[in-house]
Every structure is written in C-alpha cells, then in structure tokens.
C-alpha atoms as a PDB file:
ATOM      1  CA  MET A   1     -43.528 -73.452-199.282  1.00  0.00           C
ATOM      2  CA  LYS A   2     -46.914 -74.829-200.342  1.00  0.00           C
ATOM      3  CA  GLU A   3     -48.652 -71.472-199.796  1.00  0.00           C
ATOM      4  CA  ILE A   4     -45.927 -69.631-201.700  1.00  0.00           C
ATOM      5  CA  ARG A   5     -46.338 -72.058-204.628  1.00  0.00           C
ATOM      6  CA  GLU A   6     -50.090 -71.485-204.620  1.00  0.00           C
ATOM      7  CA  ALA A   7     -49.575 -67.717-204.587  1.00  0.00           C
ATOM      8  CA  ALA A   8     -47.060 -68.034-207.441  1.00  0.00           C
ATOM      9  CA  GLU A   9     -49.554 -70.009-209.533  1.00  0.00           C
ATOM     10  CA  ALA A  10     -52.311 -67.470-208.857  1.00  0.00           C
ATOM     11  CA  TYR A  11     -49.936 -64.601-209.636  1.00  0.00           C
ATOM     12  CA  HIS A  12     -48.847 -66.204-212.918  1.00  0.00           C
ATOM     13  CA  ALA A  13     -52.423 -67.027-213.955  1.00  0.00           C
ATOM     14  CA  ASN A  14     -53.323 -63.336-213.772  1.00  0.00           C
ATOM     15  CA  LEU A  15     -50.236 -61.849-215.415  1.00  0.00           C
ATOM     16  CA  PRO A  16     -50.425 -60.105-218.776  1.00  0.00           C
ATOM     17  CA  GLN A  17     -49.065 -62.253-221.605  1.00  0.00           C
ATOM     18  CA  ASN A  18     -45.787 -60.310-221.893  1.00  0.00           C
ATOM     19  CA  GLU A  19     -44.915 -61.120-218.271  1.00  0.00           C
ATOM     20  CA  LYS A  20     -45.894 -64.774-218.723  1.00  0.00           C
ATOM     21  CA  THR A  21     -43.497 -64.809-221.660  1.00  0.00           C
ATOM     22  CA  GLU A  22     -40.811 -63.320-219.407  1.00  0.00           C
ATOM     23  CA  ALA A  23     -41.174 -66.269-217.011  1.00  0.00           C
ATOM     24  CA  THR A  24     -40.727 -68.708-219.905  1.00  0.00           C
ATOM     25  CA  LYS A  25     -37.654 -66.808-221.106  1.00  0.00           C
ATOM     26  CA  ILE A  26     -36.123 -67.030-217.638  1.00  0.00           C
ATOM     27  CA  LEU A  27     -36.563 -70.807-217.633  1.00  0.00           C
ATOM     28  CA  LYS A  28     -34.930 -71.049-221.066  1.00  0.00           C
ATOM     29  CA  SER A  29     -32.047 -68.792-220.021  1.00  0.00           C
ATOM     30  CA  MET A  30     -31.398 -71.000-216.993  1.00  0.00           C
ATOM     31  CA  ASP A  31     -31.557 -74.226-219.008  1.00  0.00           C
ATOM     32  CA  SER A  32     -28.068 -74.232-220.528  1.00  0.00           C
ATOM     33  CA  ASP A  33     -28.286 -77.829-221.793  1.00  0.00           C
ATOM     34  CA  GLY A  34     -31.778 -77.395-223.292  1.00  0.00           C
ATOM     35  CA  ASP A  35     -33.387 -80.410-221.596  1.00  0.00           C
ATOM     36  CA  GLY A  36     -36.348 -78.412-220.222  1.00  0.00           C
ATOM     37  CA  LYS A  37     -35.222 -78.841-216.614  1.00  0.00           C
ATOM     38  CA  ILE A  38     -32.838 -76.898-214.398  1.00  0.00           C
ATOM     39  CA  ASN A  39     -30.209 -78.823-212.459  1.00  0.00           C
ATOM     40  CA  LEU A  40     -28.351 -77.429-209.451  1.00  0.00           C
ATOM     41  CA  LYS A  41     -25.323 -76.295-211.489  1.00  0.00           C
ATOM     42  CA  GLU A  42     -27.521 -74.408-213.979  1.00  0.00           C
ATOM     43  CA  PHE A  43     -29.401 -72.810-211.087  1.00  0.00           C
ATOM     44  CA  ILE A  44     -26.238 -71.686-209.265  1.00  0.00           C
ATOM     45  CA  ASP A  45     -24.731 -70.367-212.528  1.00  0.00           C
ATOM     46  CA  PHE A  46     -27.907 -68.357-213.182  1.00  0.00           C
ATOM     47  CA  VAL A  47     -28.058 -66.946-209.642  1.00  0.00           C
ATOM     48  CA  ASN A  48     -24.394 -65.936-209.780  1.00  0.00           C
ATOM     49  CA  LYS A  49     -24.946 -64.138-213.106  1.00  0.00           C
ATOM     50  CA  LYS A  50     -27.997 -62.277-211.796  1.00  0.00           C
ATOM     51  CA  LYS A  51     -26.567 -61.169-208.453  1.00  0.00           C
ATOM     52  CA  SER A  52     -26.109 -57.453-208.079  1.00  0.00           C
ATOM     53  CA  GLY A  53     -25.312 -55.308-205.098  1.00  0.00           C
ATOM     54  CA  PRO A  54     -24.153 -56.864-201.853  1.00  0.00           C
ATOM     55  CA  THR A  55     -23.470 -60.573-202.005  1.00  0.00           C
ATOM     56  CA  LEU A  56     -26.000 -62.600-200.103  1.00  0.00           C
ATOM     57  CA  ARG A  57     -24.596 -65.070-197.632  1.00  0.00           C
ATOM     58  CA  TYR A  58     -27.340 -67.478-198.490  1.00  0.00           C
ATOM     59  CA  ASP A  59     -27.140 -71.171-199.234  1.00  0.00           C
ATOM     60  CA  PHE A  60     -28.662 -71.290-202.711  1.00  0.00           C
ATOM     61  CA  GLU A  61     -28.434 -75.076-202.715  1.00  0.00           C
ATOM     62  CA  SER A  62     -31.007 -75.046-199.907  1.00  0.00           C
ATOM     63  CA  LEU A  63     -33.247 -72.735-201.937  1.00  0.00           C
ATOM     64  CA  PHE A  64     -32.923 -75.089-204.908  1.00  0.00           C
ATOM     65  CA  LYS A  65     -34.086 -77.972-202.714  1.00  0.00           C
ATOM     66  CA  GLU A  66     -37.001 -75.874-201.412  1.00  0.00           C
ATOM     67  CA  LEU A  67     -38.059 -75.020-204.966  1.00  0.00           C
ATOM     68  CA  ASP A  68     -37.743 -78.627-206.212  1.00  0.00           C
ATOM     69  CA  LYS A  69     -41.323 -79.694-205.437  1.00  0.00           C
ATOM     70  CA  ASP A  70     -41.002 -83.310-206.594  1.00  0.00           C
ATOM     71  CA  GLU A  71     -37.500 -83.662-205.105  1.00  0.00           C
ATOM     72  CA  ASP A  72     -36.056 -85.140-208.304  1.00  0.00           C
ATOM     73  CA  GLY A  73     -32.981 -82.900-208.310  1.00  0.00           C
ATOM     74  CA  THR A  74     -34.256 -80.634-211.086  1.00  0.00           C
ATOM     75  CA  LEU A  75     -36.516 -77.607-211.341  1.00  0.00           C
ATOM     76  CA  GLU A  76     -39.401 -77.765-213.766  1.00  0.00           C
ATOM     77  CA  PHE A  77     -41.419 -74.809-215.062  1.00  0.00           C
ATOM     78  CA  GLU A  78     -43.720 -74.754-211.997  1.00  0.00           C
ATOM     79  CA  ASP A  79     -40.677 -74.547-209.707  1.00  0.00           C
ATOM     80  CA  VAL A  80     -39.177 -71.712-211.754  1.00  0.00           C
ATOM     81  CA  LEU A  81     -42.540 -69.904-211.591  1.00  0.00           C
ATOM     82  CA  THR A  82     -42.225 -69.926-207.820  1.00  0.00           C
ATOM     83  CA  LEU A  83     -38.761 -68.372-208.071  1.00  0.00           C
ATOM     84  CA  PHE A  84     -40.076 -65.823-210.616  1.00  0.00           C
ATOM     85  CA  TYR A  85     -42.873 -64.873-208.193  1.00  0.00           C
ATOM     86  CA  LEU A  86     -40.464 -64.485-205.271  1.00  0.00           C
ATOM     87  CA  TYR A  87     -38.258 -62.082-207.205  1.00  0.00           C
ATOM     88  CA  LYS A  88     -40.952 -60.129-209.066  1.00  0.00           C
ATOM     89  CA  THR A  89     -42.985 -59.458-205.922  1.00  0.00           C
ATOM     90  CA  GLY A  90     -40.061 -58.744-203.614  1.00  0.00           C
ATOM     91  CA  ARG A  91     -41.070 -61.780-201.560  1.00  0.00           C
ATOM     92  CA  PHE A  92     -37.606 -63.350-201.638  1.00  0.00           C
ATOM     93  CA  LEU A  93     -36.665 -62.477-198.070  1.00  0.00           C
ATOM     94  CA  ILE A  94     -33.674 -63.675-196.083  1.00  0.00           C
ATOM     95  CA  CYS A  95     -33.719 -63.505-192.281  1.00  0.00           C
ATOM     96  CA  GLY A  96     -31.266 -60.921-190.943  1.00  0.00           C
ATOM     97  CA  GLY A  97     -30.543 -63.241-188.019  1.00  0.00           C
ATOM     98  CA  CYS A  98     -30.145 -66.849-189.156  1.00  0.00           C
ATOM     99  CA  GLU A  99     -29.960 -66.026-192.908  1.00  0.00           C
ATOM    100  CA  ALA A 100     -32.662 -68.566-193.786  1.00  0.00           C
ATOM    101  CA  PHE A 101     -35.244 -67.996-196.507  1.00  0.00           C
ATOM    102  CA  ILE A 102     -38.381 -66.631-194.822  1.00  0.00           C
ATOM    103  CA  LYS A 103     -41.396 -68.624-195.968  1.00  0.00           C
ATOM    104  CA  GLY A 104     -44.112 -67.365-193.650  1.00  0.00           C
ATOM    105  CA  ILE A 105     -44.864 -64.530-191.283  1.00  0.00           C
ATOM    106  CA  TYR A 106     -41.869 -62.349-190.506  1.00  0.00           C
ATOM    107  CA  PHE A 107     -40.978 -59.176-188.634  1.00  0.00           C
ATOM    108  CA  THR A 108     -39.600 -56.114-190.374  1.00  0.00           C
ATOM    109  CA  CYS A 109     -37.803 -53.079-188.971  1.00  0.00           C
ATOM    110  CA  VAL A 110     -40.112 -50.125-189.540  1.00  0.00           C
ATOM    111  CA  ASP A 111     -37.258 -47.581-189.602  1.00  0.00           C
ATOM    112  CA  CYS A 112     -35.322 -49.549-192.217  1.00  0.00           C
ATOM    113  CA  PHE A 113     -38.420 -49.984-194.334  1.00  0.00           C
ATOM    114  CA  TYR A 114     -39.030 -46.232-194.495  1.00  0.00           C
ATOM    115  CA  ASP A 115     -35.467 -44.892-194.385  1.00  0.00           C
ATOM    116  CA  ALA A 116     -33.312 -47.324-196.332  1.00  0.00           C
ATOM    117  CA  ASP A 117     -33.072 -49.026-199.673  1.00  0.00           C
ATOM    118  CA  ASN A 118     -33.255 -52.413-197.998  1.00  0.00           C
ATOM    119  CA  SER A 119     -35.561 -53.728-195.326  1.00  0.00           C
ATOM    120  CA  PHE A 120     -34.291 -55.647-192.325  1.00  0.00           C
ATOM    121  CA  ASP A 121     -36.431 -58.734-191.871  1.00  0.00           C
ATOM    122  CA  LEU A 122     -36.428 -61.484-189.255  1.00  0.00           C
ATOM    123  CA  CYS A 123     -38.048 -64.882-188.995  1.00  0.00           C
ATOM    124  CA  CYS A 124     -40.259 -65.330-185.937  1.00  0.00           C
ATOM    125  CA  SER A 125     -37.667 -67.439-184.135  1.00  0.00           C
ATOM    126  CA  CYS A 126     -34.839 -64.903-184.488  1.00  0.00           C
ATOM    127  CA  TYR A 127     -37.112 -62.020-183.487  1.00  0.00           C
ATOM    128  CA  ARG A 128     -38.483 -63.913-180.464  1.00  0.00           C
ATOM    129  CA  ASN A 129     -34.994 -64.927-179.292  1.00  0.00           C
ATOM    130  CA  SER A 130     -33.329 -61.583-180.186  1.00  0.00           C
ATOM    131  CA  PHE A 131     -30.943 -63.509-182.435  1.00  0.00           C
ATOM    132  CA  PHE A 132     -29.758 -60.615-184.593  1.00  0.00           C
ATOM    133  CA  LEU A 133     -27.456 -57.620-184.683  1.00  0.00           C
ATOM    134  CA  HIS A 134     -29.063 -54.423-185.875  1.00  0.00           C
ATOM    135  CA  ASN A 135     -28.924 -50.657-185.531  1.00  0.00           C
ATOM    136  CA  ASP A 136     -29.518 -49.822-181.846  1.00  0.00           C
ATOM    137  CA  ASP A 137     -31.712 -46.846-182.804  1.00  0.00           C
ATOM    138  CA  HIS A 138     -34.087 -49.064-184.755  1.00  0.00           C
ATOM    139  CA  THR A 139     -36.309 -50.743-182.199  1.00  0.00           C
ATOM    140  CA  THR A 140     -39.735 -50.937-183.822  1.00  0.00           C
ATOM    141  CA  PHE A 141     -40.472 -54.221-185.542  1.00  0.00           C
ATOM    142  CA  VAL A 142     -43.881 -55.364-186.775  1.00  0.00           C
ATOM    143  CA  ASP A 143     -45.032 -58.531-188.469  1.00  0.00           C
ATOM    144  CA  ASN A 144     -45.731 -58.316-192.177  1.00  0.00           C
ATOM    145  CA  TYR A 145     -49.531 -58.504-191.836  1.00  0.00           C
ATOM    146  CA  ALA A 146     -49.699 -55.883-189.087  1.00  0.00           C
ATOM    147  CA  PHE A 147     -47.407 -53.697-191.172  1.00  0.00           C
ATOM    148  CA  VAL A 148     -49.759 -53.772-194.167  1.00  0.00           C
ATOM    149  CA  ILE A 149     -52.696 -52.848-191.930  1.00  0.00           C
ATOM    150  CA  ARG A 150     -50.638 -50.059-190.361  1.00  0.00           C
ATOM    151  CA  CYS A 151     -49.745 -48.652-193.803  1.00  0.00           C
ATOM    152  CA  ILE A 152     -53.362 -48.783-194.976  1.00  0.00           C
ATOM    153  CA  ARG A 153     -54.547 -46.945-191.865  1.00  0.00           C
ATOM    154  CA  MET A 154     -51.899 -44.266-192.358  1.00  0.00           C
ATOM    155  CA  MET A 155     -52.965 -43.830-195.975  1.00  0.00           C
ATOM    156  CA  GLU A 156     -56.632 -43.652-194.961  1.00  0.00           C
ATOM    157  CA  LYS A 157     -55.754 -41.051-192.341  1.00  0.00           C
ATOM    158  CA  ASN A 158     -54.046 -38.989-195.032  1.00  0.00           C
ATOM    159  CA  ASN A 159     -56.983 -39.535-197.427  1.00  0.00           C
ATOM    160  CA  LYS A 160     -54.804 -41.383-199.908  1.00  0.00           C
ATOM    161  CA  ILE A 161     -57.102 -44.386-200.266  1.00  0.00           C
ATOM    162  CA  ILE A 162     -60.275 -44.139-202.277  1.00  0.00           C
ATOM    163  CA  HIS A 163     -62.936 -46.632-201.225  1.00  0.00           C
ATOM    164  CA  HIS A 164     -65.177 -48.045-203.941  1.00  0.00           C
END
C-alpha cells in the first residue's frame, strides 16, 4: 500500500486545481459529522451511495483498514487522497479469484480487456494456482507491466505513437 500512497501523492501534486478541489469535496461529502475525519460508518455509507452497476462482493471494512495509514480507526485527508487516486485512475482492482484488493502486480485477461466493459484481473497467487472461474475461451493473461509494453508496441507498429 506504501507505493500506492506515494503514487496518489504524486498524482495529487500534479493535478489541476479543479481536480484538487474535487478531492477535498469528496472528503467533505464523506464526513457527515464534520469532524474532519472519516470513520468506518461514514466510509461504508459513502461507498454504498456511490456504488453503481454490479454489486462488488468486497469487504469494504478491509479496504478502510488498508487506507487508514496511522491505524487510528479514521481516514484523514491523505487516506482519502489514496482512495481518490484509486478510483480516478481505474487502479481500484479486485481479484476475480479471491476478491481481494490488488495492491501490486496483477494479471489481466487480454480478451476481456479488449472485448468487454470490465477487465478480469487476478492477483499473482490466484493466477499461479488457477484459483478462478472464467470464460473458457479466454486463455491469454498478461501481467500489468507486460500488458502496457505490449500495447505500446502495437501502437508503434501501427504508427500511432509519435516519438519526441
């Protein structure tokens, strides 16, 4: 989670002011009692209000604990920035096998990435141990770093990347 926090801080530092303001507004909208901190109940209430589409079978209490850097039972602005980063960048990924939040390297189904609205992602452990149920026709999985390189090479091949 440390690397994700660092990325969130770097992301926030380079946002235009209107998006920085959006992060502050999210914190305020979560903070129903106005004390400047988000407790578990406020967090769960916020998540339940924001859910759309299929319901995630994810333990949001565990996510709250992951976000709570100082482990004091509340989320401060820095913790909410991490959540903001996860959602804004599409980095909030849940393993399609064990349903845990994926913090590091993961494997994604190439077919699902290109053909569907949602990707199918797996933590390294579930991919290694084949602990998942998925479309039998979809057999190509790549890790997230290899996938980026693969996409860049395809774009270069199609002359869609301009080098400076």
